[in-house]
PDB file of N, CA and C in Angstrom:
ATOM      1  N   UNK A   1       6.148   0.292  -7.861  1.00  0.00           N
ATOM      2  CA  UNK A   1       7.142   0.627  -6.879  1.00  0.00           C
ATOM      3  C   UNK A   1       7.683  -0.666  -6.301  1.00  0.00           C
ATOM      4  N   UNK A   2       8.973  -0.763  -6.190  1.00  0.00           N
ATOM      5  CA  UNK A   2       9.630  -1.902  -5.569  1.00  0.00           C
ATOM      6  C   UNK A   2      10.499  -1.357  -4.445  1.00  0.00           C
ATOM      7  N   UNK A   3      10.268  -1.848  -3.233  1.00  0.00           N
ATOM      8  CA  UNK A   3      11.071  -1.471  -2.078  1.00  0.00           C
ATOM      9  C   UNK A   3      12.014  -2.627  -1.798  1.00  0.00           C
ATOM     10  N   UNK A   4      13.304  -2.321  -1.759  1.00  0.00           N
ATOM     11  CA  UNK A   4      14.311  -3.372  -1.585  1.00  0.00           C
ATOM     12  C   UNK A   4      15.113  -3.115  -0.324  1.00  0.00           C
ATOM     13  N   UNK A   5      15.308  -4.174   0.458  1.00  0.00           N
ATOM     14  CA  UNK A   5      16.188  -4.152   1.619  1.00  0.00           C
ATOM     15  C   UNK A   5      17.388  -5.039   1.282  1.00  0.00           C
ATOM     16  N   UNK A   6      18.508  -4.432   0.914  1.00  0.00           N
ATOM     17  CA  UNK A   6      19.728  -5.187   0.621  1.00  0.00           C
ATOM     18  C   UNK A   6      20.444  -5.503   1.922  1.00  0.00           C
ATOM     19  N   UNK A   7      20.974  -6.704   2.024  1.00  0.00           N
ATOM     20  CA  UNK A   7      21.784  -7.059   3.171  1.00  0.00           C
ATOM     21  C   UNK A   7      23.150  -6.408   3.071  1.00  0.00           C
ATOM     22  N   UNK A   8      23.790  -6.230   4.192  1.00  0.00           N
ATOM     23  CA  UNK A   8      25.121  -5.636   4.236  1.00  0.00           C
ATOM     24  C   UNK A   8      25.535  -5.456   5.684  1.00  0.00           C
ATOM     25  N   UNK A   9      26.646  -4.776   5.915  1.00  0.00           N
ATOM     26  CA  UNK A   9      27.100  -4.559   7.287  1.00  0.00           C
ATOM     27  C   UNK A   9      26.021  -3.854   8.124  1.00  0.00           C
ATOM     28  N   UNK A  10      25.607  -4.496   9.202  1.00  0.00           N
ATOM     29  CA  UNK A  10      24.599  -3.922  10.084  1.00  0.00           C
ATOM     30  C   UNK A  10      23.180  -4.027   9.571  1.00  0.00           C
ATOM     31  N   UNK A  11      22.989  -4.687   8.445  1.00  0.00           N
ATOM     32  CA  UNK A  11      21.667  -4.814   7.829  1.00  0.00           C
ATOM     33  C   UNK A  11      21.459  -6.266   7.423  1.00  0.00           C
ATOM     34  N   UNK A  12      20.577  -6.935   8.150  1.00  0.00           N
ATOM     35  CA  UNK A  12      20.350  -8.353   7.899  1.00  0.00           C
ATOM     36  C   UNK A  12      19.008  -8.568   7.215  1.00  0.00           C
ATOM     37  N   UNK A  13      19.007  -9.440   6.238  1.00  0.00           N
ATOM     38  CA  UNK A  13      17.791  -9.863   5.549  1.00  0.00           C
ATOM     39  C   UNK A  13      17.798 -11.391   5.506  1.00  0.00           C
ATOM     40  N   UNK A  14      16.764 -11.987   4.928  1.00  0.00           N
ATOM     41  CA  UNK A  14      16.657 -13.435   4.853  1.00  0.00           C
ATOM     42  C   UNK A  14      17.947 -14.045   4.327  1.00  0.00           C
ATOM     43  N   UNK A  15      18.542 -14.901   5.155  1.00  0.00           N
ATOM     44  CA  UNK A  15      19.763 -15.586   4.737  1.00  0.00           C
ATOM     45  C   UNK A  15      19.593 -17.097   4.803  1.00  0.00           C
ATOM     46  N   UNK A  16      18.368 -17.541   5.083  1.00  0.00           N
ATOM     47  CA  UNK A  16      18.117 -18.964   5.174  1.00  0.00           C
ATOM     48  C   UNK A  16      18.478 -19.569   6.517  1.00  0.00           C
ATOM     49  N   UNK A  17      19.032 -18.751   7.438  1.00  0.00           N
ATOM     50  CA  UNK A  17      19.432 -19.300   8.726  1.00  0.00           C
ATOM     51  C   UNK A  17      18.785 -18.561   9.898  1.00  0.00           C
ATOM     52  N   UNK A  18      18.965 -17.248   9.980  1.00  0.00           N
ATOM     53  CA  UNK A  18      18.548 -16.521  11.170  1.00  0.00           C
ATOM     54  C   UNK A  18      17.240 -15.754  11.000  1.00  0.00           C
ATOM     55  N   UNK A  19      16.968 -15.226   9.836  1.00  0.00           N
ATOM     56  CA  UNK A  19      15.758 -14.453   9.601  1.00  0.00           C
ATOM     57  C   UNK A  19      14.846 -15.193   8.642  1.00  0.00           C
ATOM     58  N   UNK A  20      13.551 -15.063   8.885  1.00  0.00           N
ATOM     59  CA  UNK A  20      12.587 -15.678   7.984  1.00  0.00           C
ATOM     60  C   UNK A  20      12.490 -14.855   6.698  1.00  0.00           C
ATOM     61  N   UNK A  21      11.916 -15.441   5.674  1.00  0.00           N
ATOM     62  CA  UNK A  21      11.685 -14.741   4.421  1.00  0.00           C
ATOM     63  C   UNK A  21      10.779 -13.552   4.708  1.00  0.00           C
ATOM     64  N   UNK A  22      11.246 -12.358   4.433  1.00  0.00           N
ATOM     65  CA  UNK A  22      10.462 -11.157   4.691  1.00  0.00           C
ATOM     66  C   UNK A  22      10.935 -10.376   5.899  1.00  0.00           C
ATOM     67  N   UNK A  23      11.944 -10.854   6.598  1.00  0.00           N
ATOM     68  CA  UNK A  23      12.464 -10.136   7.752  1.00  0.00           C
ATOM     69  C   UNK A  23      13.590  -9.200   7.346  1.00  0.00           C
ATOM     70  N   UNK A  24      13.615  -8.014   7.957  1.00  0.00           N
ATOM     71  CA  UNK A  24      14.694  -7.047   7.739  1.00  0.00           C
ATOM     72  C   UNK A  24      15.081  -6.501   9.111  1.00  0.00           C
ATOM     73  N   UNK A  25      16.361  -6.603   9.477  1.00  0.00           N
ATOM     74  CA  UNK A  25      16.833  -6.203  10.794  1.00  0.00           C
ATOM     75  C   UNK A  25      18.037  -5.283  10.655  1.00  0.00           C
ATOM     76  N   UNK A  26      17.935  -4.099  11.272  1.00  0.00           N
ATOM     77  CA  UNK A  26      19.087  -3.187  11.364  1.00  0.00           C
ATOM     78  C   UNK A  26      19.705  -3.449  12.728  1.00  0.00           C
ATOM     79  N   UNK A  27      20.943  -3.921  12.749  1.00  0.00           N
ATOM     80  CA  UNK A  27      21.541  -4.385  13.996  1.00  0.00           C
ATOM     81  C   UNK A  27      21.946  -3.256  14.938  1.00  0.00           C
ATOM     82  N   UNK A  28      22.206  -2.062  14.447  1.00  0.00           N
ATOM     83  CA  UNK A  28      22.677  -0.977  15.315  1.00  0.00           C
ATOM     84  C   UNK A  28      21.671  -0.632  16.402  1.00  0.00           C
ATOM     85  N   UNK A  29      20.387  -0.700  16.106  1.00  0.00           N
ATOM     86  CA  UNK A  29      19.350  -0.388  17.095  1.00  0.00           C
ATOM     87  C   UNK A  29      18.283  -1.479  17.173  1.00  0.00           C
ATOM     88  N   UNK A  30      18.541  -2.609  16.511  1.00  0.00           N
ATOM     89  CA  UNK A  30      17.640  -3.761  16.494  1.00  0.00           C
ATOM     90  C   UNK A  30      16.273  -3.423  15.904  1.00  0.00           C
ATOM     91  N   UNK A  31      16.219  -2.463  14.997  1.00  0.00           N
ATOM     92  CA  UNK A  31      14.970  -2.130  14.305  1.00  0.00           C
ATOM     93  C   UNK A  31      14.633  -3.300  13.388  1.00  0.00           C
ATOM     94  N   UNK A  32      13.455  -3.882  13.594  1.00  0.00           N
ATOM     95  CA  UNK A  32      13.052  -5.071  12.860  1.00  0.00           C
ATOM     96  C   UNK A  32      11.736  -4.819  12.152  1.00  0.00           C
ATOM     97  N   UNK A  33      11.670  -5.223  10.905  1.00  0.00           N
ATOM     98  CA  UNK A  33      10.450  -5.066  10.124  1.00  0.00           C
ATOM     99  C   UNK A  33      10.116  -6.408   9.481  1.00  0.00           C
ATOM    100  N   UNK A  34       8.897  -6.890   9.728  1.00  0.00           N
ATOM    101  CA  UNK A  34       8.390  -8.119   9.117  1.00  0.00           C
ATOM    102  C   UNK A  34       7.551  -7.706   7.916  1.00  0.00           C
ATOM    103  N   UNK A  35       8.050  -7.920   6.715  1.00  0.00           N
ATOM    104  CA  UNK A  35       7.368  -7.480   5.510  1.00  0.00           C
ATOM    105  C   UNK A  35       6.063  -8.237   5.252  1.00  0.00           C
ATOM    106  N   UNK A  36       5.838  -9.342   5.968  1.00  0.00           N
ATOM    107  CA  UNK A  36       4.605 -10.105   5.811  1.00  0.00           C
ATOM    108  C   UNK A  36       3.514  -9.629   6.771  1.00  0.00           C
ATOM    109  N   UNK A  37       3.854  -8.792   7.717  1.00  0.00           N
ATOM    110  CA  UNK A  37       2.883  -8.304   8.704  1.00  0.00           C
ATOM    111  C   UNK A  37       1.852  -7.396   8.026  1.00  0.00           C
ATOM    112  N   UNK A  38       0.579  -7.578   8.339  1.00  0.00           N
ATOM    113  CA  UNK A  38      -0.442  -6.704   7.754  1.00  0.00           C
ATOM    114  C   UNK A  38      -0.157  -5.230   8.055  1.00  0.00           C
ATOM    115  N   UNK A  39      -0.289  -4.398   7.051  1.00  0.00           N
ATOM    116  CA  UNK A  39      -0.096  -2.961   7.206  1.00  0.00           C
ATOM    117  C   UNK A  39       1.295  -2.471   6.879  1.00  0.00           C
ATOM    118  N   UNK A  40       2.280  -3.354   6.804  1.00  0.00           N
ATOM    119  CA  UNK A  40       3.661  -2.926   6.558  1.00  0.00           C
ATOM    120  C   UNK A  40       3.813  -2.344   5.157  1.00  0.00           C
ATOM    121  N   UNK A  41       3.249  -3.001   4.155  1.00  0.00           N
ATOM    122  CA  UNK A  41       3.345  -2.481   2.786  1.00  0.00           C
ATOM    123  C   UNK A  41       2.728  -1.086   2.704  1.00  0.00           C
ATOM    124  N   UNK A  42       1.585  -0.908   3.367  1.00  0.00           N
ATOM    125  CA  UNK A  42       0.923   0.405   3.363  1.00  0.00           C
ATOM    126  C   UNK A  42       1.775   1.446   4.076  1.00  0.00           C
ATOM    127  N   UNK A  43       2.388   1.073   5.192  1.00  0.00           N
ATOM    128  CA  UNK A  43       3.231   2.006   5.937  1.00  0.00           C
ATOM    129  C   UNK A  43       4.443   2.420   5.104  1.00  0.00           C
ATOM    130  N   UNK A  44       5.049   1.475   4.379  1.00  0.00           N
ATOM    131  CA  UNK A  44       6.183   1.807   3.513  1.00  0.00           C
ATOM    132  C   UNK A  44       5.745   2.705   2.355  1.00  0.00           C
ATOM    133  N   UNK A  45       4.596   2.399   1.768  1.00  0.00           N
ATOM    134  CA  UNK A  45       4.075   3.226   0.678  1.00  0.00           C
ATOM    135  C   UNK A  45       3.792   4.646   1.162  1.00  0.00           C
ATOM    136  N   UNK A  46       3.119   4.774   2.313  1.00  0.00           N
ATOM    137  CA  UNK A  46       2.821   6.103   2.846  1.00  0.00           C
ATOM    138  C   UNK A  46       4.091   6.879   3.154  1.00  0.00           C
ATOM    139  N   UNK A  47       5.097   6.193   3.668  1.00  0.00           N
ATOM    140  CA  UNK A  47       6.373   6.863   3.959  1.00  0.00           C
ATOM    141  C   UNK A  47       7.037   7.320   2.661  1.00  0.00           C
ATOM    142  N   UNK A  48       7.006   6.492   1.635  1.00  0.00           N
ATOM    143  CA  UNK A  48       7.576   6.872   0.342  1.00  0.00           C
ATOM    144  C   UNK A  48       6.830   8.076  -0.245  1.00  0.00           C
ATOM    145  N   UNK A  49       5.492   8.073  -0.142  1.00  0.00           N
ATOM    146  CA  UNK A  49       4.698   9.198  -0.648  1.00  0.00           C
ATOM    147  C   UNK A  49       5.011  10.475   0.111  1.00  0.00           C
ATOM    148  N   UNK A  50       5.185  10.362   1.429  1.00  0.00           N
ATOM    149  CA  UNK A  50       5.500  11.535   2.243  1.00  0.00           C
ATOM    150  C   UNK A  50       6.859  12.117   1.868  1.00  0.00           C
ATOM    151  N   UNK A  51       7.760  11.264   1.423  1.00  0.00           N
ATOM    152  CA  UNK A  51       9.096  11.727   1.017  1.00  0.00           C
ATOM    153  C   UNK A  51       9.109  12.230  -0.428  1.00  0.00           C
ATOM    154  N   UNK A  52       7.944  12.341  -1.024  1.00  0.00           N
ATOM    155  CA  UNK A  52       7.728  12.907  -2.349  1.00  0.00           C
ATOM    156  C   UNK A  52       8.459  12.135  -3.440  1.00  0.00           C
ATOM    157  N   UNK A  53       8.400  10.812  -3.354  1.00  0.00           N
ATOM    158  CA  UNK A  53       8.891  10.020  -4.478  1.00  0.00           C
ATOM    159  C   UNK A  53       7.921  10.236  -5.630  1.00  0.00           C
ATOM    160  N   UNK A  54       8.423  10.353  -6.828  1.00  0.00           N
ATOM    161  CA  UNK A  54       7.595  10.621  -8.004  1.00  0.00           C
ATOM    162  C   UNK A  54       7.071   9.305  -8.571  1.00  0.00           C
ATOM    163  N   UNK A  55       5.779   9.064  -8.358  1.00  0.00           N
ATOM    164  CA  UNK A  55       5.156   7.853  -8.859  1.00  0.00           C
ATOM    165  C   UNK A  55       4.312   8.125 -10.101  1.00  0.00           C
ATOM    166  N   UNK A  56       4.468   9.290 -10.695  1.00  0.00           N
ATOM    167  CA  UNK A  56       3.640   9.678 -11.831  1.00  0.00           C
ATOM    168  C   UNK A  56       4.039   8.947 -13.118  1.00  0.00           C
ATOM    169  N   UNK A  57       5.246   8.454 -13.201  1.00  0.00           N
ATOM    170  CA  UNK A  57       5.677   7.768 -14.410  1.00  0.00           C
ATOM    171  C   UNK A  57       5.177   6.332 -14.406  1.00  0.00           C
ATOM    172  N   UNK A  58       5.114   5.741 -15.567  1.00  0.00           N
ATOM    173  CA  UNK A  58       4.652   4.359 -15.702  1.00  0.00           C
ATOM    174  C   UNK A  58       5.781   3.364 -15.470  1.00  0.00           C
ATOM    175  N   UNK A  59       6.959   3.858 -15.173  1.00  0.00           N
ATOM    176  CA  UNK A  59       8.108   2.982 -14.968  1.00  0.00           C
ATOM    177  C   UNK A  59       8.114   2.422 -13.551  1.00  0.00           C
ATOM    178  N   UNK A  60       8.794   1.291 -13.389  1.00  0.00           N
ATOM    179  CA  UNK A  60       8.991   0.725 -12.065  1.00  0.00           C
ATOM    180  C   UNK A  60      10.034   1.565 -11.338  1.00  0.00           C
ATOM    181  N   UNK A  61       9.713   1.948 -10.113  1.00  0.00           N
ATOM    182  CA  UNK A  61      10.614   2.750  -9.299  1.00  0.00           C
ATOM    183  C   UNK A  61      11.165   1.863  -8.196  1.00  0.00           C
ATOM    184  N   UNK A  62      12.490   1.829  -8.037  1.00  0.00           N
ATOM    185  CA  UNK A  62      13.138   1.044  -6.999  1.00  0.00           C
ATOM    186  C   UNK A  62      13.559   1.979  -5.872  1.00  0.00           C
ATOM    187  N   UNK A  63      13.151   1.657  -4.647  1.00  0.00           N
ATOM    188  CA  UNK A  63      13.432   2.494  -3.486  1.00  0.00           C
ATOM    189  C   UNK A  63      14.168   1.667  -2.442  1.00  0.00           C
ATOM    190  N   UNK A  64      15.183   2.261  -1.812  1.00  0.00           N
ATOM    191  CA  UNK A  64      15.932   1.612  -0.742  1.00  0.00           C
ATOM    192  C   UNK A  64      15.061   1.571   0.512  1.00  0.00           C
ATOM    193  N   UNK A  65      14.674   0.388   0.928  1.00  0.00           N
ATOM    194  CA  UNK A  65      13.800   0.223   2.084  1.00  0.00           C
ATOM    195  C   UNK A  65      14.405   0.712   3.385  1.00  0.00           C
ATOM    196  N   UNK A  66      15.736   0.672   3.486  1.00  0.00           N
ATOM    197  CA  UNK A  66      16.378   1.136   4.718  1.00  0.00           C
ATOM    198  C   UNK A  66      16.131   2.620   4.947  1.00  0.00           C
ATOM    199  N   UNK A  67      15.922   3.385   3.882  1.00  0.00           N
ATOM    200  CA  UNK A  67      15.636   4.815   4.033  1.00  0.00           C
ATOM    201  C   UNK A  67      14.222   5.041   4.577  1.00  0.00           C
ATOM    202  N   UNK A  68      13.353   4.050   4.452  1.00  0.00           N
ATOM    203  CA  UNK A  68      11.959   4.181   4.868  1.00  0.00           C
ATOM    204  C   UNK A  68      11.645   3.486   6.185  1.00  0.00           C
ATOM    205  N   UNK A  69      12.568   2.680   6.710  1.00  0.00           N
ATOM    206  CA  UNK A  69      12.242   1.793   7.825  1.00  0.00           C
ATOM    207  C   UNK A  69      11.791   2.543   9.081  1.00  0.00           C
ATOM    208  N   UNK A  70      12.460   3.626   9.445  1.00  0.00           N
ATOM    209  CA  UNK A  70      12.077   4.343  10.665  1.00  0.00           C
ATOM    210  C   UNK A  70      10.676   4.935  10.554  1.00  0.00           C
ATOM    211  N   UNK A  71      10.392   5.560   9.439  1.00  0.00           N
ATOM    212  CA  UNK A  71       9.066   6.135   9.240  1.00  0.00           C
ATOM    213  C   UNK A  71       7.988   5.076   9.200  1.00  0.00           C
ATOM    214  N   UNK A  72       8.270   3.942   8.561  1.00  0.00           N
ATOM    215  CA  UNK A  72       7.287   2.857   8.494  1.00  0.00           C
ATOM    216  C   UNK A  72       7.036   2.280   9.881  1.00  0.00           C
ATOM    217  N   UNK A  73       8.088   2.069  10.648  1.00  0.00           N
ATOM    218  CA  UNK A  73       7.913   1.539  12.004  1.00  0.00           C
ATOM    219  C   UNK A  73       7.113   2.509  12.866  1.00  0.00           C
ATOM    220  N   UNK A  74       7.312   3.800  12.666  1.00  0.00           N
ATOM    221  CA  UNK A  74       6.556   4.795  13.412  1.00  0.00           C
ATOM    222  C   UNK A  74       5.076   4.793  13.075  1.00  0.00           C
ATOM    223  N   UNK A  75       4.712   4.298  11.919  1.00  0.00           N
ATOM    224  CA  UNK A  75       3.313   4.246  11.495  1.00  0.00           C
ATOM    225  C   UNK A  75       2.600   2.984  11.994  1.00  0.00           C
ATOM    226  N   UNK A  76       3.352   2.026  12.474  1.00  0.00           N
ATOM    227  CA  UNK A  76       2.786   0.743  12.901  1.00  0.00           C
ATOM    228  C   UNK A  76       2.663   0.672  14.414  1.00  0.00           C
ATOM    229  N   UNK A  77       1.642  -0.050  14.886  1.00  0.00           N
ATOM    230  CA  UNK A  77       1.529  -0.342  16.310  1.00  0.00           C
ATOM    231  C   UNK A  77       2.509  -1.454  16.648  1.00  0.00           C
ATOM    232  N   UNK A  78       2.989  -1.489  17.896  1.00  0.00           N
ATOM    233  CA  UNK A  78       3.862  -2.609  18.275  1.00  0.00           C
ATOM    234  C   UNK A  78       3.143  -3.937  18.072  1.00  0.00           C
ATOM    235  N   UNK A  79       3.876  -4.991  17.678  1.00  0.00           N
ATOM    236  CA  UNK A  79       3.238  -6.294  17.474  1.00  0.00           C
ATOM    237  C   UNK A  79       2.480  -6.731  18.721  1.00  0.00           C
ATOM    238  N   UNK A  80       1.292  -7.282  18.525  1.00  0.00           N
ATOM    239  CA  UNK A  80       0.497  -7.781  19.627  1.00  0.00           C
ATOM    240  C   UNK A  80      -0.354  -6.724  20.310  1.00  0.00           C
ATOM    241  N   UNK A  81      -0.227  -5.473  19.903  1.00  0.00           N
ATOM    242  CA  UNK A  81      -1.045  -4.408  20.480  1.00  0.00           C
ATOM    243  C   UNK A  81      -2.011  -3.902  19.419  1.00  0.00           C
ATOM    244  N   UNK A  82      -3.213  -3.515  19.842  1.00  0.00           N
ATOM    245  CA  UNK A  82      -4.167  -3.000  18.859  1.00  0.00           C
ATOM    246  C   UNK A  82      -3.666  -1.712  18.231  1.00  0.00           C
ATOM    247  N   UNK A  83      -4.045  -1.499  16.993  1.00  0.00           N
ATOM    248  CA  UNK A  83      -3.659  -0.272  16.286  1.00  0.00           C
ATOM    249  C   UNK A  83      -4.323   0.925  16.948  1.00  0.00           C
ATOM    250  N   UNK A  84      -3.600   2.023  17.056  1.00  0.00           N
ATOM    251  CA  UNK A  84      -4.196   3.264  17.525  1.00  0.00           C
ATOM    252  C   UNK A  84      -5.085   3.803  16.423  1.00  0.00           C
ATOM    253  N   UNK A  85      -5.964   4.722  16.746  1.00  0.00           N
ATOM    254  CA  UNK A  85      -6.828   5.309  15.723  1.00  0.00           C
ATOM    255  C   UNK A  85      -5.978   5.957  14.634  1.00  0.00           C
ATOM    256  N   UNK A  86      -4.888   6.628  15.022  1.00  0.00           N
ATOM    257  CA  UNK A  86      -4.018   7.268  14.030  1.00  0.00           C
ATOM    258  C   UNK A  86      -3.422   6.232  13.092  1.00  0.00           C
ATOM    259  N   UNK A  87      -2.887   5.135  13.641  1.00  0.00           N
ATOM    260  CA  UNK A  87      -2.321   4.083  12.798  1.00  0.00           C
ATOM    261  C   UNK A  87      -3.398   3.409  11.973  1.00  0.00           C
ATOM    262  N   UNK A  88      -4.579   3.202  12.556  1.00  0.00           N
ATOM    263  CA  UNK A  88      -5.668   2.570  11.824  1.00  0.00           C
ATOM    264  C   UNK A  88      -6.034   3.406  10.603  1.00  0.00           C
ATOM    265  N   UNK A  89      -6.057   4.726  10.746  1.00  0.00           N
ATOM    266  CA  UNK A  89      -6.362   5.601   9.618  1.00  0.00           C
ATOM    267  C   UNK A  89      -5.301   5.467   8.536  1.00  0.00           C
ATOM    268  N   UNK A  90      -4.050   5.424   8.924  1.00  0.00           N
ATOM    269  CA  UNK A  90      -2.969   5.313   7.956  1.00  0.00           C
ATOM    270  C   UNK A  90      -3.012   3.962   7.255  1.00  0.00           C
ATOM    271  N   UNK A  91      -3.247   2.895   8.021  1.00  0.00           N
ATOM    272  CA  UNK A  91      -3.119   1.562   7.470  1.00  0.00           C
ATOM    273  C   UNK A  91      -4.370   1.073   6.760  1.00  0.00           C
ATOM    274  N   UNK A  92      -5.547   1.611   7.086  1.00  0.00           N
ATOM    275  CA  UNK A  92      -6.772   1.092   6.501  1.00  0.00           C
ATOM    276  C   UNK A  92      -7.497   2.137   5.666  1.00  0.00           C
ATOM    277  N   UNK A  93      -7.780   3.264   6.244  1.00  0.00           N
ATOM    278  CA  UNK A  93      -8.652   4.224   5.593  1.00  0.00           C
ATOM    279  C   UNK A  93      -8.017   4.899   4.384  1.00  0.00           C
ATOM    280  N   UNK A  94      -6.705   5.128   4.413  1.00  0.00           N
ATOM    281  CA  UNK A  94      -6.035   5.785   3.303  1.00  0.00           C
ATOM    282  C   UNK A  94      -5.942   4.867   2.101  1.00  0.00           C
ATOM    283  N   UNK A  95      -6.705   4.262   2.397  1.00  0.00           N
ATOM    284  CA  UNK A  95      -6.735   3.477   1.228  1.00  0.00           C
ATOM    285  C   UNK A  95      -5.933   2.128   1.218  1.00  0.00           C
ATOM    286  N   UNK A  96      14.603 -12.144  -3.891  1.00  0.00           N
ATOM    287  CA  UNK A  96      14.373 -13.284  -2.987  1.00  0.00           C
ATOM    288  C   UNK A  96      15.616 -14.003  -3.016  1.00  0.00           C
ATOM    289  N   UNK A  97      15.733 -13.443  -2.667  1.00  0.00           N
ATOM    290  CA  UNK A  97      16.994 -14.155  -2.747  1.00  0.00           C
ATOM    291  C   UNK A  97      17.727 -14.068  -1.441  1.00  0.00           C
ATOM    292  N   UNK A  98      18.988 -14.436  -1.470  1.00  0.00           N
ATOM    293  CA  UNK A  98      19.786 -14.443  -0.254  1.00  0.00           C
ATOM    294  C   UNK A  98      20.342 -13.066   0.071  1.00  0.00           C
ATOM    295  N   UNK A  99      20.299 -12.123  -0.854  1.00  0.00           N
ATOM    296  CA  UNK A  99      20.952 -10.836  -0.617  1.00  0.00           C
ATOM    297  C   UNK A  99      19.980  -9.678  -0.485  1.00  0.00           C
ATOM    298  N   UNK A 100      18.695  -9.917  -0.583  1.00  0.00           N
ATOM    299  CA  UNK A 100      17.752  -8.807  -0.483  1.00  0.00           C
ATOM    300  C   UNK A 100      16.376  -9.315  -0.091  1.00  0.00           C
ATOM    301  N   UNK A 101      15.665  -8.478   0.663  1.00  0.00           N
ATOM    302  CA  UNK A 101      14.260  -8.730   0.951  1.00  0.00           C
ATOM    303  C   UNK A 101      13.494  -7.640   0.224  1.00  0.00           C
ATOM    304  N   UNK A 102      12.401  -7.981  -0.442  1.00  0.00           N
ATOM    305  CA  UNK A 102      11.704  -6.951  -1.194  1.00  0.00           C
ATOM    306  C   UNK A 102      10.231  -7.272  -1.307  1.00  0.00           C
ATOM    307  N   UNK A 103       9.466  -6.263  -1.666  1.00  0.00           N
ATOM    308  CA  UNK A 103       8.060  -6.460  -2.027  1.00  0.00           C
ATOM    309  C   UNK A 103       7.740  -5.446  -3.090  1.00  0.00           C
ATOM    310  N   UNK A 104       6.705  -5.695  -3.836  1.00  0.00           N
ATOM    311  CA  UNK A 104       6.290  -4.762  -4.881  1.00  0.00           C
ATOM    312  C   UNK A 104       4.839  -4.387  -4.725  1.00  0.00           C
ATOM    313  N   UNK A 105       4.504  -3.168  -5.085  1.00  0.00           N
ATOM    314  CA  UNK A 105       3.127  -2.681  -5.057  1.00  0.00           C
ATOM    315  C   UNK A 105       2.732  -2.280  -6.459  1.00  0.00           C
TER     316      UNK A 105
END
């Protein structure tokens, strides 16, 4: 699975100037996701699974990260605050360019 955050109007990704490598910012509501933060990959994966993406094939699946950002942010504790038991269960127990930010699982 590859989750991609493409830059565009109202959607900022690493541009070498304002956001670090791995940052994704939706400007309309300032929703910000640091792809390097522990638990973010798991939160995106869980959100994709909840949306019933078909991972049964052996092919690489490309998913638009902007469609998952709200659900992933809802699964994470605010930065600097301890994870709630609910978030801890989701994040632990369950197991590059200039135009896009991405990660692969």
